[in-house]
Structure formats: structure tokens, C-alpha cells
Amino acid sequence: IALASPQVRDAAEPATFQRAECLMRLGDPTGAEATRAYLRRWPSGRFRTEAERLLESGDGAFAARL
């Protein structure tokens, strides 16, 4: 929904990262690719450090904490 917003420039980066983070936390197998896609699109993005940490933690590492 956020990516379809008329203010997509303001919403795209956070929405893309949050989607990737949610997928990773849920242990979804597409989470790692979504996180890598975020890093490709925004290599110096606001959530770069968090995205790198998610990838280092592995695909379902957060799922056990929920």
C-alpha cells in the first residue's frame, strides 16, 4: 500500500526496508532476497546498517524471538 502512495518518494525506502525486515523476522524464505534488494536500491540508505545486520543474522534468526 505504501509503495502505491502518491508520495512514493517519501515512502518507498522505509516501506521497502520494513517489508524486508518483516519477512526476515517471520522466517520467510524470501526475506533475505528482499533485504538484498533493499541494499541494491539504496546502497547508502537510511536503514543500510540494519539491513546488513539482518543478513548477517540469517533467514529465521529473528523468528524465535517473536
PDB file of N, CA and C in Angstrom:
ATOM      1  N   ILE A   1       0.838  -1.184   0.000  1.00  0.00           N
ATOM      2  CA  ILE A   1       0.000   0.000   0.000  1.00  0.00           C
ATOM      3  C   ILE A   1       0.880   1.244   0.000  1.00  0.00           C
ATOM      4  N   ALA A   2       1.919   1.249   0.859  1.00  0.00           N
ATOM      5  CA  ALA A   2       2.791   2.424   0.934  1.00  0.00           C
ATOM      6  C   ALA A   2       3.498   2.683  -0.385  1.00  0.00           C
ATOM      7  N   LEU A   3       3.891   1.622  -1.079  1.00  0.00           N
ATOM      8  CA  LEU A   3       4.600   1.809  -2.341  1.00  0.00           C
ATOM      9  C   LEU A   3       3.699   2.329  -3.448  1.00  0.00           C
ATOM     10  N   ALA A   4       2.383   2.192  -3.293  1.00  0.00           N
ATOM     11  CA  ALA A   4       1.443   2.702  -4.274  1.00  0.00           C
ATOM     12  C   ALA A   4       0.996   4.129  -3.958  1.00  0.00           C
ATOM     13  N   SER A   5       1.476   4.679  -2.885  1.00  0.00           N
ATOM     14  CA  SER A   5       1.097   6.014  -2.446  1.00  0.00           C
ATOM     15  C   SER A   5       1.547   7.083  -3.446  1.00  0.00           C
ATOM     16  N   PRO A   6       0.785   8.175  -3.561  1.00  0.00           N
ATOM     17  CA  PRO A   6       1.213   9.288  -4.415  1.00  0.00           C
ATOM     18  C   PRO A   6       2.536   9.900  -3.933  1.00  0.00           C
ATOM     19  N   GLN A   7       2.828   9.772  -2.662  1.00  0.00           N
ATOM     20  CA  GLN A   7       4.085  10.288  -2.118  1.00  0.00           C
ATOM     21  C   GLN A   7       5.124   9.174  -2.036  1.00  0.00           C
ATOM     22  N   VAL A   8       5.206   8.358  -3.093  1.00  0.00           N
ATOM     23  CA  VAL A   8       6.064   7.185  -3.089  1.00  0.00           C
ATOM     24  C   VAL A   8       7.525   7.526  -2.812  1.00  0.00           C
ATOM     25  N   ARG A   9       7.988   8.681  -3.232  1.00  0.00           N
ATOM     26  CA  ARG A   9       9.383   9.044  -2.976  1.00  0.00           C
ATOM     27  C   ARG A   9       9.663   9.074  -1.485  1.00  0.00           C
ATOM     28  N   ASP A  10       8.693   9.537  -0.704  1.00  0.00           N
ATOM     29  CA  ASP A  10       8.880   9.609   0.743  1.00  0.00           C
ATOM     30  C   ASP A  10       8.684   8.257   1.422  1.00  0.00           C
ATOM     31  N   ALA A  11       7.896   7.404   0.819  1.00  0.00           N
ATOM     32  CA  ALA A  11       7.525   6.145   1.468  1.00  0.00           C
ATOM     33  C   ALA A  11       8.306   4.943   0.970  1.00  0.00           C
ATOM     34  N   ALA A  12       8.891   5.004  -0.188  1.00  0.00           N
ATOM     35  CA  ALA A  12       9.472   3.815  -0.815  1.00  0.00           C
ATOM     36  C   ALA A  12      10.619   3.208  -0.015  1.00  0.00           C
ATOM     37  N   GLU A  13      11.568   4.020   0.407  1.00  0.00           N
ATOM     38  CA  GLU A  13      12.711   3.428   1.120  1.00  0.00           C
ATOM     39  C   GLU A  13      12.288   2.781   2.432  1.00  0.00           C
ATOM     40  N   PRO A  14      11.597   3.502   3.331  1.00  0.00           N
ATOM     41  CA  PRO A  14      11.196   2.850   4.586  1.00  0.00           C
ATOM     42  C   PRO A  14      10.274   1.650   4.365  1.00  0.00           C
ATOM     43  N   ALA A  15       9.363   1.749   3.406  1.00  0.00           N
ATOM     44  CA  ALA A  15       8.435   0.640   3.160  1.00  0.00           C
ATOM     45  C   ALA A  15       9.175  -0.589   2.648  1.00  0.00           C
ATOM     46  N   THR A  16      10.155  -0.380   1.784  1.00  0.00           N
ATOM     47  CA  THR A  16      10.925  -1.498   1.254  1.00  0.00           C
ATOM     48  C   THR A  16      11.730  -2.172   2.357  1.00  0.00           C
ATOM     49  N   PHE A  17      12.356  -1.360   3.203  1.00  0.00           N
ATOM     50  CA  PHE A  17      13.118  -1.950   4.305  1.00  0.00           C
ATOM     51  C   PHE A  17      12.194  -2.660   5.284  1.00  0.00           C
ATOM     52  N   GLN A  18      11.103  -2.028   5.668  1.00  0.00           N
ATOM     53  CA  GLN A  18      10.197  -2.633   6.652  1.00  0.00           C
ATOM     54  C   GLN A  18       9.625  -3.941   6.135  1.00  0.00           C
ATOM     55  N   ARG A  19       9.317  -4.002   4.849  1.00  0.00           N
ATOM     56  CA  ARG A  19       8.835  -5.254   4.257  1.00  0.00           C
ATOM     57  C   ARG A  19       9.892  -6.338   4.398  1.00  0.00           C
ATOM     58  N   ALA A  20      11.131  -6.011   4.034  1.00  0.00           N
ATOM     59  CA  ALA A  20      12.223  -6.978   4.135  1.00  0.00           C
ATOM     60  C   ALA A  20      12.416  -7.426   5.580  1.00  0.00           C
ATOM     61  N   GLU A  21      12.386  -6.475   6.491  1.00  0.00           N
ATOM     62  CA  GLU A  21      12.568  -6.814   7.902  1.00  0.00           C
ATOM     63  C   GLU A  21      11.458  -7.738   8.394  1.00  0.00           C
ATOM     64  N   CYS A  22      10.235  -7.448   8.021  1.00  0.00           N
ATOM     65  CA  CYS A  22       9.111  -8.304   8.437  1.00  0.00           C
ATOM     66  C   CYS A  22       9.280  -9.717   7.899  1.00  0.00           C
ATOM     67  N   LEU A  23       9.648  -9.838   6.629  1.00  0.00           N
ATOM     68  CA  LEU A  23       9.847 -11.158   6.045  1.00  0.00           C
ATOM     69  C   LEU A  23      10.952 -11.919   6.775  1.00  0.00           C
ATOM     70  N   MET A  24      12.021 -11.225   7.095  1.00  0.00           N
ATOM     71  CA  MET A  24      13.120 -11.864   7.822  1.00  0.00           C
ATOM     72  C   MET A  24      12.673 -12.308   9.211  1.00  0.00           C
ATOM     73  N   ARG A  25      11.981 -11.446   9.913  1.00  0.00           N
ATOM     74  CA  ARG A  25      11.527 -11.778  11.272  1.00  0.00           C
ATOM     75  C   ARG A  25      10.542 -12.937  11.289  1.00  0.00           C
ATOM     76  N   LEU A  26       9.769 -13.062  10.216  1.00  0.00           N
ATOM     77  CA  LEU A  26       8.812 -14.158  10.124  1.00  0.00           C
ATOM     78  C   LEU A  26       9.461 -15.458   9.652  1.00  0.00           C
ATOM     79  N   GLY A  27      10.733 -15.370   9.250  1.00  0.00           N
ATOM     80  CA  GLY A  27      11.416 -16.547   8.749  1.00  0.00           C
ATOM     81  C   GLY A  27      11.025 -16.910   7.328  1.00  0.00           C
ATOM     82  N   ASP A  28      10.444 -15.965   6.618  1.00  0.00           N
ATOM     83  CA  ASP A  28      10.042 -16.192   5.232  1.00  0.00           C
ATOM     84  C   ASP A  28      11.286 -16.372   4.365  1.00  0.00           C
ATOM     85  N   PRO A  29      11.304 -17.382   3.512  1.00  0.00           N
ATOM     86  CA  PRO A  29      12.487 -17.615   2.687  1.00  0.00           C
ATOM     87  C   PRO A  29      12.797 -16.488   1.699  1.00  0.00           C
ATOM     88  N   THR A  30      11.846 -15.618   1.432  1.00  0.00           N
ATOM     89  CA  THR A  30      12.098 -14.504   0.520  1.00  0.00           C
ATOM     90  C   THR A  30      12.674 -13.279   1.240  1.00  0.00           C
ATOM     91  N   GLY A  31      12.797 -13.364   2.539  1.00  0.00           N
ATOM     92  CA  GLY A  31      13.280 -12.228   3.325  1.00  0.00           C
ATOM     93  C   GLY A  31      14.690 -11.792   2.985  1.00  0.00           C
ATOM     94  N   ALA A  32      15.592 -12.756   2.812  1.00  0.00           N
ATOM     95  CA  ALA A  32      16.980 -12.404   2.501  1.00  0.00           C
ATOM     96  C   ALA A  32      17.075 -11.692   1.154  1.00  0.00           C
ATOM     97  N   GLU A  33      16.346 -12.183   0.158  1.00  0.00           N
ATOM     98  CA  GLU A  33      16.389 -11.525  -1.154  1.00  0.00           C
ATOM     99  C   GLU A  33      15.760 -10.138  -1.081  1.00  0.00           C
ATOM    100  N   ALA A  34      14.690  -9.979  -0.313  1.00  0.00           N
ATOM    101  CA  ALA A  34      14.072  -8.659  -0.156  1.00  0.00           C
ATOM    102  C   ALA A  34      15.047  -7.694   0.516  1.00  0.00           C
ATOM    103  N   THR A  35      15.814  -8.191   1.456  1.00  0.00           N
ATOM    104  CA  THR A  35      16.806  -7.357   2.139  1.00  0.00           C
ATOM    105  C   THR A  35      17.932  -6.977   1.185  1.00  0.00           C
ATOM    106  N   ARG A  36      18.399  -7.945   0.398  1.00  0.00           N
ATOM    107  CA  ARG A  36      19.441  -7.637  -0.602  1.00  0.00           C
ATOM    108  C   ARG A  36      18.921  -6.647  -1.637  1.00  0.00           C
ATOM    109  N   ALA A  37      17.656  -6.782  -2.026  1.00  0.00           N
ATOM    110  CA  ALA A  37      17.068  -5.846  -2.992  1.00  0.00           C
ATOM    111  C   ALA A  37      17.036  -4.430  -2.418  1.00  0.00           C
ATOM    112  N   TYR A  38      16.716  -4.317  -1.130  1.00  0.00           N
ATOM    113  CA  TYR A  38      16.753  -3.003  -0.488  1.00  0.00           C
ATOM    114  C   TYR A  38      18.159  -2.420  -0.583  1.00  0.00           C
ATOM    115  N   LEU A  39      19.167  -3.226  -0.247  1.00  0.00           N
ATOM    116  CA  LEU A  39      20.549  -2.739  -0.272  1.00  0.00           C
ATOM    117  C   LEU A  39      21.012  -2.382  -1.682  1.00  0.00           C
ATOM    118  N   ARG A  40      20.538  -3.106  -2.684  1.00  0.00           N
ATOM    119  CA  ARG A  40      20.887  -2.749  -4.068  1.00  0.00           C
ATOM    120  C   ARG A  40      20.259  -1.419  -4.468  1.00  0.00           C
ATOM    121  N   ARG A  41      19.014  -1.225  -4.084  1.00  0.00           N
ATOM    122  CA  ARG A  41      18.310   0.001  -4.487  1.00  0.00           C
ATOM    123  C   ARG A  41      18.801   1.216  -3.707  1.00  0.00           C
ATOM    124  N   TRP A  42      19.092   1.038  -2.439  1.00  0.00           N
ATOM    125  CA  TRP A  42      19.559   2.130  -1.588  1.00  0.00           C
ATOM    126  C   TRP A  42      20.861   1.723  -0.892  1.00  0.00           C
ATOM    127  N   PRO A  43      21.973   1.680  -1.612  1.00  0.00           N
ATOM    128  CA  PRO A  43      23.233   1.222  -1.013  1.00  0.00           C
ATOM    129  C   PRO A  43      23.724   2.108   0.135  1.00  0.00           C
ATOM    130  N   SER A  44      23.308   3.337   0.165  1.00  0.00           N
ATOM    131  CA  SER A  44      23.668   4.245   1.263  1.00  0.00           C
ATOM    132  C   SER A  44      22.427   4.690   2.007  1.00  0.00           C
ATOM    133  N   GLY A  45      21.420   3.832   2.015  1.00  0.00           N
ATOM    134  CA  GLY A  45      20.127   4.180   2.593  1.00  0.00           C
ATOM    135  C   GLY A  45      20.146   4.338   4.096  1.00  0.00           C
ATOM    136  N   ARG A  46      19.068   4.880   4.573  1.00  0.00           N
ATOM    137  CA  ARG A  46      18.903   5.164   5.999  1.00  0.00           C
ATOM    138  C   ARG A  46      18.925   3.897   6.846  1.00  0.00           C
ATOM    139  N   PHE A  47      18.510   2.768   6.279  1.00  0.00           N
ATOM    140  CA  PHE A  47      18.427   1.512   7.031  1.00  0.00           C
ATOM    141  C   PHE A  47      19.502   0.514   6.612  1.00  0.00           C
ATOM    142  N   ARG A  48      20.558   1.001   5.978  1.00  0.00           N
ATOM    143  CA  ARG A  48      21.621   0.127   5.475  1.00  0.00           C
ATOM    144  C   ARG A  48      22.222  -0.747   6.579  1.00  0.00           C
ATOM    145  N   THR A  49      22.582  -0.152   7.691  1.00  0.00           N
ATOM    146  CA  THR A  49      23.206  -0.904   8.778  1.00  0.00           C
ATOM    147  C   THR A  49      22.264  -1.991   9.302  1.00  0.00           C
ATOM    148  N   GLU A  50      21.004  -1.655   9.478  1.00  0.00           N
ATOM    149  CA  GLU A  50      20.034  -2.636   9.968  1.00  0.00           C
ATOM    150  C   GLU A  50      19.855  -3.768   8.961  1.00  0.00           C
ATOM    151  N   ALA A  51      19.822  -3.430   7.672  1.00  0.00           N
ATOM    152  CA  ALA A  51      19.664  -4.450   6.632  1.00  0.00           C
ATOM    153  C   ALA A  51      20.864  -5.394   6.622  1.00  0.00           C
ATOM    154  N   GLU A  52      22.057  -4.848   6.759  1.00  0.00           N
ATOM    155  CA  GLU A  52      23.251  -5.688   6.802  1.00  0.00           C
ATOM    156  C   GLU A  52      23.219  -6.612   8.014  1.00  0.00           C
ATOM    157  N   ARG A  53      22.759  -6.109   9.131  1.00  0.00           N
ATOM    158  CA  ARG A  53      22.641  -6.944  10.339  1.00  0.00           C
ATOM    159  C   ARG A  53      21.640  -8.070  10.141  1.00  0.00           C
ATOM    160  N   LEU A  54      20.530  -7.766   9.476  1.00  0.00           N
ATOM    161  CA  LEU A  54      19.535  -8.804   9.206  1.00  0.00           C
ATOM    162  C   LEU A  54      20.146  -9.935   8.391  1.00  0.00           C
ATOM    163  N   LEU A  55      20.910  -9.576   7.365  1.00  0.00           N
ATOM    164  CA  LEU A  55      21.523 -10.602   6.524  1.00  0.00           C
ATOM    165  C   LEU A  55      22.563 -11.408   7.295  1.00  0.00           C
ATOM    166  N   GLU A  56      23.309 -10.744   8.145  1.00  0.00           N
ATOM    167  CA  GLU A  56      24.314 -11.445   8.943  1.00  0.00           C
ATOM    168  C   GLU A  56      23.669 -12.422   9.922  1.00  0.00           C
ATOM    169  N   SER A  57      22.475 -12.074  10.398  1.00  0.00           N
ATOM    170  CA  SER A  57      21.788 -12.912  11.379  1.00  0.00           C
ATOM    171  C   SER A  57      21.204 -14.173  10.758  1.00  0.00           C
ATOM    172  N   GLY A  58      20.956 -14.134   9.471  1.00  0.00           N
ATOM    173  CA  GLY A  58      20.408 -15.293   8.789  1.00  0.00           C
ATOM    174  C   GLY A  58      18.906 -15.257   8.658  1.00  0.00           C
ATOM    175  N   ASP A  59      18.368 -16.121   7.796  1.00  0.00           N
ATOM    176  CA  ASP A  59      16.927 -16.137   7.470  1.00  0.00           C
ATOM    177  C   ASP A  59      16.016 -16.432   8.622  1.00  0.00           C
ATOM    178  N   GLY A  60      15.857 -16.786   9.503  1.00  0.00           N
ATOM    179  CA  GLY A  60      14.857 -17.019  10.523  1.00  0.00           C
ATOM    180  C   GLY A  60      15.391 -16.736  11.885  1.00  0.00           C
ATOM    181  N   ALA A  61      16.512 -16.055  11.972  1.00  0.00           N
ATOM    182  CA  ALA A  61      17.110 -15.826  13.274  1.00  0.00           C
ATOM    183  C   ALA A  61      16.201 -15.032  14.196  1.00  0.00           C
ATOM    184  N   PHE A  62      15.397 -14.157  13.645  1.00  0.00           N
ATOM    185  CA  PHE A  62      14.515 -13.340  14.466  1.00  0.00           C
ATOM    186  C   PHE A  62      13.224 -14.055  14.813  1.00  0.00           C
ATOM    187  N   ALA A  63      12.849 -15.046  14.040  1.00  0.00           N
ATOM    188  CA  ALA A  63      11.561 -15.698  14.241  1.00  0.00           C
ATOM    189  C   ALA A  63      11.432 -16.281  15.644  1.00  0.00           C
ATOM    190  N   ALA A  64      12.501 -16.807  16.168  1.00  0.00           N
ATOM    191  CA  ALA A  64      12.448 -17.403  17.509  1.00  0.00           C
ATOM    192  C   ALA A  64      12.221 -16.376  18.595  1.00  0.00           C
ATOM    193  N   ARG A  65      12.542 -15.125  18.311  1.00  0.00           N
ATOM    194  CA  ARG A  65      12.384 -14.065  19.324  1.00  0.00           C
ATOM    195  C   ARG A  65      10.976 -13.510  19.387  1.00  0.00           C
ATOM    196  N   LEU A  66      10.153 -13.776  18.390  1.00  0.00           N
ATOM    197  CA  LEU A  66       8.806 -13.195  18.370  1.00  0.00           C
ATOM    198  C   LEU A  66       7.883 -13.872  19.350  1.00  0.00           C
TER     199      LEU A  66
END
